[in-house]
């Protein structure tokens, strides 16, 4: 578990340095489902990291499959995805 937290922290530092190269940034693009799907549909291998406003919480996950448009109600299966929740991220510096 400590290795996972370390990897997530490294990933967050990389993402913060390359903020301009991210597919979706809520503070830049908006926080709607429509925005997410407009920018992320048909892109495989995505990592989603969400900082919960007003808390020290991070949540997110990895999806190796491509996101599909909302009108395609199909379920896909994979064993290569994961989700995470970190309750106390006071030691991480965020730069939205």
C-alpha atoms as a PDB file:
ATOM      1  CA  UNK A   1       0.000   0.000   0.000  1.00  0.00           C
ATOM      2  CA  UNK A   2       2.849   2.425   0.773  1.00  0.00           C
ATOM      3  CA  UNK A   3       4.277   1.756  -2.685  1.00  0.00           C
ATOM      4  CA  UNK A   4       0.917   2.669  -4.245  1.00  0.00           C
ATOM      5  CA  UNK A   5       0.814   5.947  -2.307  1.00  0.00           C
ATOM      6  CA  UNK A   6       4.394   6.700  -3.359  1.00  0.00           C
ATOM      7  CA  UNK A   7       3.577   6.010  -7.020  1.00  0.00           C
ATOM      8  CA  UNK A   8       0.488   8.219  -6.818  1.00  0.00           C
ATOM      9  CA  UNK A   9       2.524  11.049  -5.298  1.00  0.00           C
ATOM     10  CA  UNK A  10       5.105  10.761  -8.062  1.00  0.00           C
ATOM     11  CA  UNK A  11       2.308  10.739 -10.625  1.00  0.00           C
ATOM     12  CA  UNK A  12       0.707  13.835  -9.055  1.00  0.00           C
ATOM     13  CA  UNK A  13       4.038  15.690  -9.149  1.00  0.00           C
ATOM     14  CA  UNK A  14       4.483  14.805 -12.817  1.00  0.00           C
ATOM     15  CA  UNK A  15       0.918  15.842 -13.633  1.00  0.00           C
ATOM     16  CA  UNK A  16       1.364  19.165 -11.846  1.00  0.00           C
ATOM     17  CA  UNK A  17       4.545  19.917 -13.809  1.00  0.00           C
ATOM     18  CA  UNK A  18       2.856  19.122 -17.122  1.00  0.00           C
ATOM     19  CA  UNK A  19      -0.526  20.671 -16.318  1.00  0.00           C
ATOM     20  CA  UNK A  20      -0.825  22.025 -19.863  1.00  0.00           C
ATOM     21  CA  UNK A  21      -0.563  18.489 -21.343  1.00  0.00           C
ATOM     22  CA  UNK A  22      -3.457  17.021 -19.390  1.00  0.00           C
ATOM     23  CA  UNK A  23      -6.550  16.005 -21.340  1.00  0.00           C
ATOM     24  CA  UNK A  24      -9.020  17.529 -18.869  1.00  0.00           C
ATOM     25  CA  UNK A  25      -8.384  20.023 -16.091  1.00  0.00           C
ATOM     26  CA  UNK A  26     -11.582  20.924 -14.274  1.00  0.00           C
ATOM     27  CA  UNK A  27     -10.475  24.440 -13.404  1.00  0.00           C
ATOM     28  CA  UNK A  28      -9.617  25.042 -17.057  1.00  0.00           C
ATOM     29  CA  UNK A  29     -12.246  22.987 -18.934  1.00  0.00           C
ATOM     30  CA  UNK A  30     -15.137  22.688 -16.495  1.00  0.00           C
ATOM     31  CA  UNK A  31     -16.398  19.903 -14.274  1.00  0.00           C
ATOM     32  CA  UNK A  32     -19.291  18.477 -16.296  1.00  0.00           C
ATOM     33  CA  UNK A  33     -19.739  14.913 -17.555  1.00  0.00           C
ATOM     34  CA  UNK A  34     -20.232  16.342 -21.031  1.00  0.00           C
ATOM     35  CA  UNK A  35     -16.823  18.038 -20.922  1.00  0.00           C
ATOM     36  CA  UNK A  36     -15.137  14.878 -19.656  1.00  0.00           C
ATOM     37  CA  UNK A  37     -16.651  12.722 -22.399  1.00  0.00           C
ATOM     38  CA  UNK A  38     -16.083  15.305 -25.139  1.00  0.00           C
ATOM     39  CA  UNK A  39     -12.362  15.334 -24.319  1.00  0.00           C
ATOM     40  CA  UNK A  40     -11.780  11.741 -23.148  1.00  0.00           C
ATOM     41  CA  UNK A  41     -14.020   9.501 -25.257  1.00  0.00           C
ATOM     42  CA  UNK A  42     -12.183   6.942 -27.372  1.00  0.00           C
ATOM     43  CA  UNK A  43      -8.914   7.481 -25.465  1.00  0.00           C
ATOM     44  CA  UNK A  44      -7.558   4.330 -23.763  1.00  0.00           C
ATOM     45  CA  UNK A  45      -5.202   4.141 -20.792  1.00  0.00           C
ATOM     46  CA  UNK A  46      -6.402   7.114 -18.781  1.00  0.00           C
ATOM     47  CA  UNK A  47      -5.714   8.026 -15.173  1.00  0.00           C
ATOM     48  CA  UNK A  48      -8.320  10.115 -13.365  1.00  0.00           C
ATOM     49  CA  UNK A  49      -7.248  12.025 -10.250  1.00  0.00           C
ATOM     50  CA  UNK A  50      -9.772  14.142  -8.381  1.00  0.00           C
ATOM     51  CA  UNK A  51      -8.995  16.488  -5.496  1.00  0.00           C
ATOM     52  CA  UNK A  52     -12.172  16.762  -3.425  1.00  0.00           C
ATOM     53  CA  UNK A  53     -12.878  20.461  -2.896  1.00  0.00           C
ATOM     54  CA  UNK A  54     -12.677  21.635   0.720  1.00  0.00           C
ATOM     55  CA  UNK A  55     -10.986  18.420   1.913  1.00  0.00           C
ATOM     56  CA  UNK A  56      -7.595  16.739   1.916  1.00  0.00           C
ATOM     57  CA  UNK A  57      -8.980  13.811  -0.088  1.00  0.00           C
ATOM     58  CA  UNK A  58      -7.852  12.400  -3.412  1.00  0.00           C
ATOM     59  CA  UNK A  59      -9.749   9.794  -5.361  1.00  0.00           C
ATOM     60  CA  UNK A  60      -9.425   8.355  -8.793  1.00  0.00           C
ATOM     61  CA  UNK A  61      -8.493   5.368 -10.838  1.00  0.00           C
ATOM     62  CA  UNK A  62      -6.980   3.903 -13.959  1.00  0.00           C
ATOM     63  CA  UNK A  63      -8.992   2.714 -16.949  1.00  0.00           C
ATOM     64  CA  UNK A  64      -7.016   0.779 -19.573  1.00  0.00           C
ATOM     65  CA  UNK A  65     -10.027   0.726 -21.895  1.00  0.00           C
ATOM     66  CA  UNK A  66     -11.186   3.589 -24.082  1.00  0.00           C
ATOM     67  CA  UNK A  67     -14.014   5.727 -22.734  1.00  0.00           C
ATOM     68  CA  UNK A  68     -17.136   5.439 -24.890  1.00  0.00           C
ATOM     69  CA  UNK A  69     -19.760   8.097 -25.654  1.00  0.00           C
ATOM     70  CA  UNK A  70     -22.702   8.248 -23.238  1.00  0.00           C
ATOM     71  CA  UNK A  71     -25.143   6.905 -25.819  1.00  0.00           C
ATOM     72  CA  UNK A  72     -23.336   3.540 -25.986  1.00  0.00           C
ATOM     73  CA  UNK A  73     -24.772   1.592 -23.060  1.00  0.00           C
ATOM     74  CA  UNK A  74     -22.310  -1.287 -23.174  1.00  0.00           C
ATOM     75  CA  UNK A  75     -20.334  -2.760 -20.314  1.00  0.00           C
ATOM     76  CA  UNK A  76     -16.744  -3.834 -20.787  1.00  0.00           C
ATOM     77  CA  UNK A  77     -14.658  -5.995 -18.506  1.00  0.00           C
ATOM     78  CA  UNK A  78     -11.005  -5.769 -17.522  1.00  0.00           C
ATOM     79  CA  UNK A  79      -8.825  -6.955 -14.670  1.00  0.00           C
ATOM     80  CA  UNK A  80      -6.239  -4.245 -15.328  1.00  0.00           C
ATOM     81  CA  UNK A  81      -8.113  -1.283 -13.818  1.00  0.00           C
ATOM     82  CA  UNK A  82      -8.013   0.065 -10.269  1.00  0.00           C
ATOM     83  CA  UNK A  83      -9.549   2.776  -8.123  1.00  0.00           C
ATOM     84  CA  UNK A  84      -8.067   4.556  -5.121  1.00  0.00           C
ATOM     85  CA  UNK A  85      -8.982   6.867  -2.254  1.00  0.00           C
ATOM     86  CA  UNK A  86      -6.477   8.763  -0.116  1.00  0.00           C
ATOM     87  CA  UNK A  87      -8.035  10.456   2.880  1.00  0.00           C
ATOM     88  CA  UNK A  88      -5.231  12.687   4.135  1.00  0.00           C
ATOM     89  CA  UNK A  89      -3.160  14.491   1.509  1.00  0.00           C
ATOM     90  CA  UNK A  90      -2.030  17.443   3.617  1.00  0.00           C
ATOM     91  CA  UNK A  91       1.557  16.741   2.568  1.00  0.00           C
ATOM     92  CA  UNK A  92       0.783  17.197  -1.151  1.00  0.00           C
ATOM     93  CA  UNK A  93       1.001  20.678  -2.611  1.00  0.00           C
ATOM     94  CA  UNK A  94      -1.723  21.348  -5.195  1.00  0.00           C
ATOM     95  CA  UNK A  95      -1.402  23.914  -7.969  1.00  0.00           C
ATOM     96  CA  UNK A  96      -4.651  23.977  -9.971  1.00  0.00           C
END
